[in-house]
Amino acid sequence: MSFYLLCSEANFVPKQTTTMDQASDDIKLLFIQEELSLFGEELCDALSDAILKQKLIDSGSLLDSLNYSSFMEGNNPGQRVSFFSYGRCVDMSGYKKNKIQVDTNREVWGIRQNTNKKNRWYARNMYGGLNRLIGRVMYGLSDHEIARLKGILENRIKNE
């Protein structure tokens, strides 16, 4: 299973592009690419920590399958995070190691046991991470960050 996160900028009115606009767009693009890469790394770390903490390891293949990669679709940067599908099903089905526990007293009297799922390894980390990413992309492009990214772009141009 994999999901894609694609960031795009909507242009409703065609505009004349100048060199300053192009430089500004390159800085924004580089900033978004760095934030997406950081998001992918943090998300994979958070998911693997949650899997280890909740002891959802049977063969280790789910933990080994977590990975992320960046891509470009046209001029829009994107992030792909993938893992085996059954891992998400574990989250949705409420997987527990010892499912065969019978409490005969509860069975006889018809008392239902509270079955809250305690293994939200995917949803909490994924959607919480998306909110942090949105906040960083919206408010993280400071003057200091712009100066740092300009330096990176200038070094790329010199090395070409």
C-alpha atoms as a PDB file:
ATOM      1  CA  MET A   1       0.000   0.000   0.000  1.00  0.00           C
ATOM      2  CA  SER A   2       1.247   3.465  -0.726  1.00  0.00           C
ATOM      3  CA  PHE A   3      -0.161   6.929  -0.618  1.00  0.00           C
ATOM      4  CA  TYR A   4       0.831  10.002  -2.506  1.00  0.00           C
ATOM      5  CA  LEU A   5       1.036  13.545  -1.274  1.00  0.00           C
ATOM      6  CA  LEU A   6       1.197  16.071  -4.087  1.00  0.00           C
ATOM      7  CA  CYS A   7       1.687  19.789  -3.514  1.00  0.00           C
ATOM      8  CA  SER A   8       0.593  22.095  -6.285  1.00  0.00           C
ATOM      9  CA  GLU A   9       0.105  25.780  -6.850  1.00  0.00           C
ATOM     10  CA  ALA A  10      -3.037  26.864  -8.641  1.00  0.00           C
ATOM     11  CA  ASN A  11      -2.536  29.526 -11.310  1.00  0.00           C
ATOM     12  CA  PHE A  12      -5.861  30.943 -12.398  1.00  0.00           C
ATOM     13  CA  VAL A  13      -4.548  33.950 -14.314  1.00  0.00           C
ATOM     14  CA  PRO A  14      -1.624  33.561 -16.731  1.00  0.00           C
ATOM     15  CA  LYS A  15       1.210  35.849 -15.715  1.00  0.00           C
ATOM     16  CA  GLN A  16       4.411  37.122 -17.239  1.00  0.00           C
ATOM     17  CA  THR A  17       7.383  35.489 -15.539  1.00  0.00           C
ATOM     18  CA  THR A  18      10.527  37.449 -14.858  1.00  0.00           C
ATOM     19  CA  THR A  19      13.851  36.293 -13.516  1.00  0.00           C
ATOM     20  CA  MET A  20      12.899  37.385 -10.000  1.00  0.00           C
ATOM     21  CA  ASP A  21       9.630  35.460 -10.205  1.00  0.00           C
ATOM     22  CA  GLN A  22      11.503  32.393 -11.441  1.00  0.00           C
ATOM     23  CA  ALA A  23      14.038  32.667  -8.605  1.00  0.00           C
ATOM     24  CA  SER A  24      11.212  33.049  -6.090  1.00  0.00           C
ATOM     25  CA  ASP A  25       9.424  30.019  -7.554  1.00  0.00           C
ATOM     26  CA  ASP A  26      12.656  27.976  -7.405  1.00  0.00           C
ATOM     27  CA  ILE A  27      13.128  28.892  -3.750  1.00  0.00           C
ATOM     28  CA  LYS A  28       9.542  27.907  -2.924  1.00  0.00           C
ATOM     29  CA  LEU A  29       9.912  24.649  -4.851  1.00  0.00           C
ATOM     30  CA  LEU A  30      13.158  23.756  -3.064  1.00  0.00           C
ATOM     31  CA  PHE A  31      11.569  24.591   0.306  1.00  0.00           C
ATOM     32  CA  ILE A  32       8.563  22.374  -0.393  1.00  0.00           C
ATOM     33  CA  GLN A  33      10.798  19.523  -1.597  1.00  0.00           C
ATOM     34  CA  GLU A  34      12.884  19.707   1.584  1.00  0.00           C
ATOM     35  CA  GLU A  35       9.787  19.791   3.792  1.00  0.00           C
ATOM     36  CA  LEU A  36       8.256  16.815   1.971  1.00  0.00           C
ATOM     37  CA  SER A  37      11.463  14.821   2.349  1.00  0.00           C
ATOM     38  CA  LEU A  38      11.624  15.677   6.050  1.00  0.00           C
ATOM     39  CA  PHE A  39       7.949  14.707   6.401  1.00  0.00           C
ATOM     40  CA  GLY A  40       8.570  11.320   4.759  1.00  0.00           C
ATOM     41  CA  GLU A  41      11.506  10.599   7.033  1.00  0.00           C
ATOM     42  CA  GLU A  42       9.646  11.663  10.180  1.00  0.00           C
ATOM     43  CA  LEU A  43       6.528   9.713   9.207  1.00  0.00           C
ATOM     44  CA  CYS A  44       8.438   6.484   8.551  1.00  0.00           C
ATOM     45  CA  ASP A  45      10.268   6.911  11.881  1.00  0.00           C
ATOM     46  CA  ALA A  46       6.987   7.559  13.726  1.00  0.00           C
ATOM     47  CA  LEU A  47       5.281   4.569  12.109  1.00  0.00           C
ATOM     48  CA  SER A  48       8.183   2.235  12.878  1.00  0.00           C
ATOM     49  CA  ASP A  49       8.321   3.496  16.491  1.00  0.00           C
ATOM     50  CA  ALA A  50       4.571   2.899  16.875  1.00  0.00           C
ATOM     51  CA  ILE A  51       4.858  -0.605  15.422  1.00  0.00           C
ATOM     52  CA  LEU A  52       7.707  -1.429  17.804  1.00  0.00           C
ATOM     53  CA  LYS A  53       5.971   0.142  20.806  1.00  0.00           C
ATOM     54  CA  GLN A  54       2.725  -1.749  20.213  1.00  0.00           C
ATOM     55  CA  LYS A  55       4.558  -4.999  19.411  1.00  0.00           C
ATOM     56  CA  LEU A  56       2.855  -5.500  16.039  1.00  0.00           C
ATOM     57  CA  ILE A  57       5.851  -7.423  14.744  1.00  0.00           C
ATOM     58  CA  ASP A  58       5.183 -10.987  13.675  1.00  0.00           C
ATOM     59  CA  SER A  59       7.660 -11.602  10.868  1.00  0.00           C
ATOM     60  CA  GLY A  60       9.189  -8.123  10.616  1.00  0.00           C
ATOM     61  CA  SER A  61       8.131  -7.711   6.992  1.00  0.00           C
ATOM     62  CA  LEU A  62       5.781  -4.783   7.747  1.00  0.00           C
ATOM     63  CA  LEU A  63       8.530  -2.908   9.540  1.00  0.00           C
ATOM     64  CA  ASP A  64      10.983  -3.624   6.720  1.00  0.00           C
ATOM     65  CA  SER A  65       8.490  -2.489   4.074  1.00  0.00           C
ATOM     66  CA  LEU A  66       8.155   1.098   5.367  1.00  0.00           C
ATOM     67  CA  ASN A  67       9.810   3.524   2.946  1.00  0.00           C
ATOM     68  CA  TYR A  68       9.354   6.895   1.301  1.00  0.00           C
ATOM     69  CA  SER A  69      10.449   8.586  -1.891  1.00  0.00           C
ATOM     70  CA  SER A  70      10.111  12.010  -3.478  1.00  0.00           C
ATOM     71  CA  PHE A  71       8.917  12.609  -7.020  1.00  0.00           C
ATOM     72  CA  MET A  72       7.975  15.408  -9.388  1.00  0.00           C
ATOM     73  CA  GLU A  73       4.739  15.373 -11.369  1.00  0.00           C
ATOM     74  CA  GLY A  74       5.132  18.171 -13.858  1.00  0.00           C
ATOM     75  CA  ASN A  75       6.284  21.137 -11.779  1.00  0.00           C
ATOM     76  CA  ASN A  76       4.677  19.840  -8.595  1.00  0.00           C
ATOM     77  CA  PRO A  77       6.735  18.039  -5.948  1.00  0.00           C
ATOM     78  CA  GLY A  78       5.262  14.995  -4.258  1.00  0.00           C
ATOM     79  CA  GLN A  79       6.007  12.423  -1.585  1.00  0.00           C
ATOM     80  CA  ARG A  80       5.240   8.704  -1.673  1.00  0.00           C
ATOM     81  CA  VAL A  81       5.141   6.627   1.506  1.00  0.00           C
ATOM     82  CA  SER A  82       4.541   2.913   1.125  1.00  0.00           C
ATOM     83  CA  PHE A  83       4.240  -0.258   3.208  1.00  0.00           C
ATOM     84  CA  PHE A  84       2.553  -3.641   2.967  1.00  0.00           C
ATOM     85  CA  SER A  85      -1.253  -3.450   2.850  1.00  0.00           C
ATOM     86  CA  TYR A  86      -1.873  -5.861   5.665  1.00  0.00           C
ATOM     87  CA  GLY A  87      -0.275  -3.404   8.092  1.00  0.00           C
ATOM     88  CA  ARG A  88      -3.098  -0.937   7.672  1.00  0.00           C
ATOM     89  CA  CYS A  89      -5.618  -3.765   8.039  1.00  0.00           C
ATOM     90  CA  VAL A  90      -4.000  -4.576  11.369  1.00  0.00           C
ATOM     91  CA  ASP A  91      -4.801  -1.026  12.448  1.00  0.00           C
ATOM     92  CA  MET A  92      -8.416  -1.218  11.313  1.00  0.00           C
ATOM     93  CA  SER A  93      -9.205  -4.653  12.709  1.00  0.00           C
ATOM     94  CA  GLY A  94      -7.872  -4.172  16.226  1.00  0.00           C
ATOM     95  CA  TYR A  95      -5.148  -6.818  16.082  1.00  0.00           C
ATOM     96  CA  LYS A  96      -4.187  -8.366  19.387  1.00  0.00           C
ATOM     97  CA  LYS A  97      -1.654 -11.092  20.042  1.00  0.00           C
ATOM     98  CA  ASN A  98      -3.888 -13.226  22.272  1.00  0.00           C
ATOM     99  CA  LYS A  99      -7.353 -13.150  20.756  1.00  0.00           C
ATOM    100  CA  ILE A 100      -8.371 -16.478  22.278  1.00  0.00           C
ATOM    101  CA  GLN A 101      -9.072 -15.387  25.820  1.00  0.00           C
ATOM    102  CA  VAL A 102     -12.345 -16.566  27.241  1.00  0.00           C
ATOM    103  CA  ASP A 103     -13.772 -15.024  30.376  1.00  0.00           C
ATOM    104  CA  THR A 104     -16.535 -17.507  31.232  1.00  0.00           C
ATOM    105  CA  ASN A 105     -18.102 -15.247  33.862  1.00  0.00           C
ATOM    106  CA  ARG A 106     -18.621 -12.508  31.275  1.00  0.00           C
ATOM    107  CA  GLU A 107     -19.882 -15.098  28.760  1.00  0.00           C
ATOM    108  CA  VAL A 108     -22.428 -16.544  31.183  1.00  0.00           C
ATOM    109  CA  TRP A 109     -23.814 -13.196  32.355  1.00  0.00           C
ATOM    110  CA  GLY A 110     -23.654 -11.579  28.921  1.00  0.00           C
ATOM    111  CA  ILE A 111     -21.372  -8.774  30.005  1.00  0.00           C
ATOM    112  CA  ARG A 112     -19.616  -7.160  27.077  1.00  0.00           C
ATOM    113  CA  GLN A 113     -15.985  -6.284  27.466  1.00  0.00           C
ATOM    114  CA  ASN A 114     -14.809  -2.813  26.464  1.00  0.00           C
ATOM    115  CA  THR A 115     -12.899  -3.333  23.222  1.00  0.00           C
ATOM    116  CA  ASN A 116     -11.254   0.014  22.530  1.00  0.00           C
ATOM    117  CA  LYS A 117      -8.544  -0.268  19.922  1.00  0.00           C
ATOM    118  CA  LYS A 118      -5.189   0.651  21.391  1.00  0.00           C
ATOM    119  CA  ASN A 119      -3.113   0.106  18.279  1.00  0.00           C
ATOM    120  CA  ARG A 120      -3.633   3.196  16.138  1.00  0.00           C
ATOM    121  CA  TRP A 121      -0.172   3.035  14.633  1.00  0.00           C
ATOM    122  CA  TYR A 122      -1.147   4.429  11.227  1.00  0.00           C
ATOM    123  CA  ALA A 123      -3.961   6.974  11.483  1.00  0.00           C
ATOM    124  CA  ARG A 124      -2.655   9.022  14.394  1.00  0.00           C
ATOM    125  CA  ASN A 125       0.853   9.304  12.975  1.00  0.00           C
ATOM    126  CA  MET A 126      -0.224   9.896   9.388  1.00  0.00           C
ATOM    127  CA  TYR A 127      -2.825  12.592   9.946  1.00  0.00           C
ATOM    128  CA  GLY A 128      -0.944  14.260  12.793  1.00  0.00           C
ATOM    129  CA  GLY A 129       2.103  14.399  10.527  1.00  0.00           C
ATOM    130  CA  LEU A 130       0.065  15.965   7.738  1.00  0.00           C
ATOM    131  CA  ASN A 131      -1.071  18.752  10.039  1.00  0.00           C
ATOM    132  CA  ARG A 132       2.537  19.448  11.066  1.00  0.00           C
ATOM    133  CA  LEU A 133       3.600  19.448   7.399  1.00  0.00           C
ATOM    134  CA  ILE A 134       0.874  21.929   6.459  1.00  0.00           C
ATOM    135  CA  GLY A 135       1.929  24.223   9.287  1.00  0.00           C
ATOM    136  CA  ARG A 136       5.613  24.053   8.338  1.00  0.00           C
ATOM    137  CA  VAL A 137       4.927  24.724   4.660  1.00  0.00           C
ATOM    138  CA  MET A 138       2.568  27.614   5.431  1.00  0.00           C
ATOM    139  CA  TYR A 139       4.656  29.376   8.073  1.00  0.00           C
ATOM    140  CA  GLY A 140       8.195  28.006   7.732  1.00  0.00           C
ATOM    141  CA  LEU A 141       9.552  30.100   4.856  1.00  0.00           C
ATOM    142  CA  SER A 142      11.310  32.800   6.872  1.00  0.00           C
ATOM    143  CA  ASP A 143      13.885  35.320   5.667  1.00  0.00           C
ATOM    144  CA  HIS A 144      16.671  33.200   7.142  1.00  0.00           C
ATOM    145  CA  GLU A 145      15.354  30.115   5.329  1.00  0.00           C
ATOM    146  CA  ILE A 146      15.103  32.065   2.043  1.00  0.00           C
ATOM    147  CA  ALA A 147      18.750  33.146   2.380  1.00  0.00           C
ATOM    148  CA  ARG A 148      19.838  29.550   3.032  1.00  0.00           C
ATOM    149  CA  LEU A 149      17.884  28.241   0.032  1.00  0.00           C
ATOM    150  CA  LYS A 150      19.315  30.982  -2.215  1.00  0.00           C
ATOM    151  CA  GLY A 151      22.787  29.788  -1.249  1.00  0.00           C
ATOM    152  CA  ILE A 152      21.883  26.211  -2.151  1.00  0.00           C
ATOM    153  CA  LEU A 153      20.484  27.265  -5.527  1.00  0.00           C
ATOM    154  CA  GLU A 154      23.559  29.408  -6.271  1.00  0.00           C
ATOM    155  CA  ASN A 155      25.843  26.443  -5.469  1.00  0.00           C
ATOM    156  CA  ARG A 156      23.799  24.239  -7.827  1.00  0.00           C
ATOM    157  CA  ILE A 157      24.158  26.790 -10.623  1.00  0.00           C
ATOM    158  CA  LYS A 158      27.940  27.089 -10.054  1.00  0.00           C
ATOM    159  CA  ASN A 159      28.378  23.299 -10.098  1.00  0.00           C
ATOM    160  CA  GLU A 160      26.472  22.836 -13.375  1.00  0.00           C
END
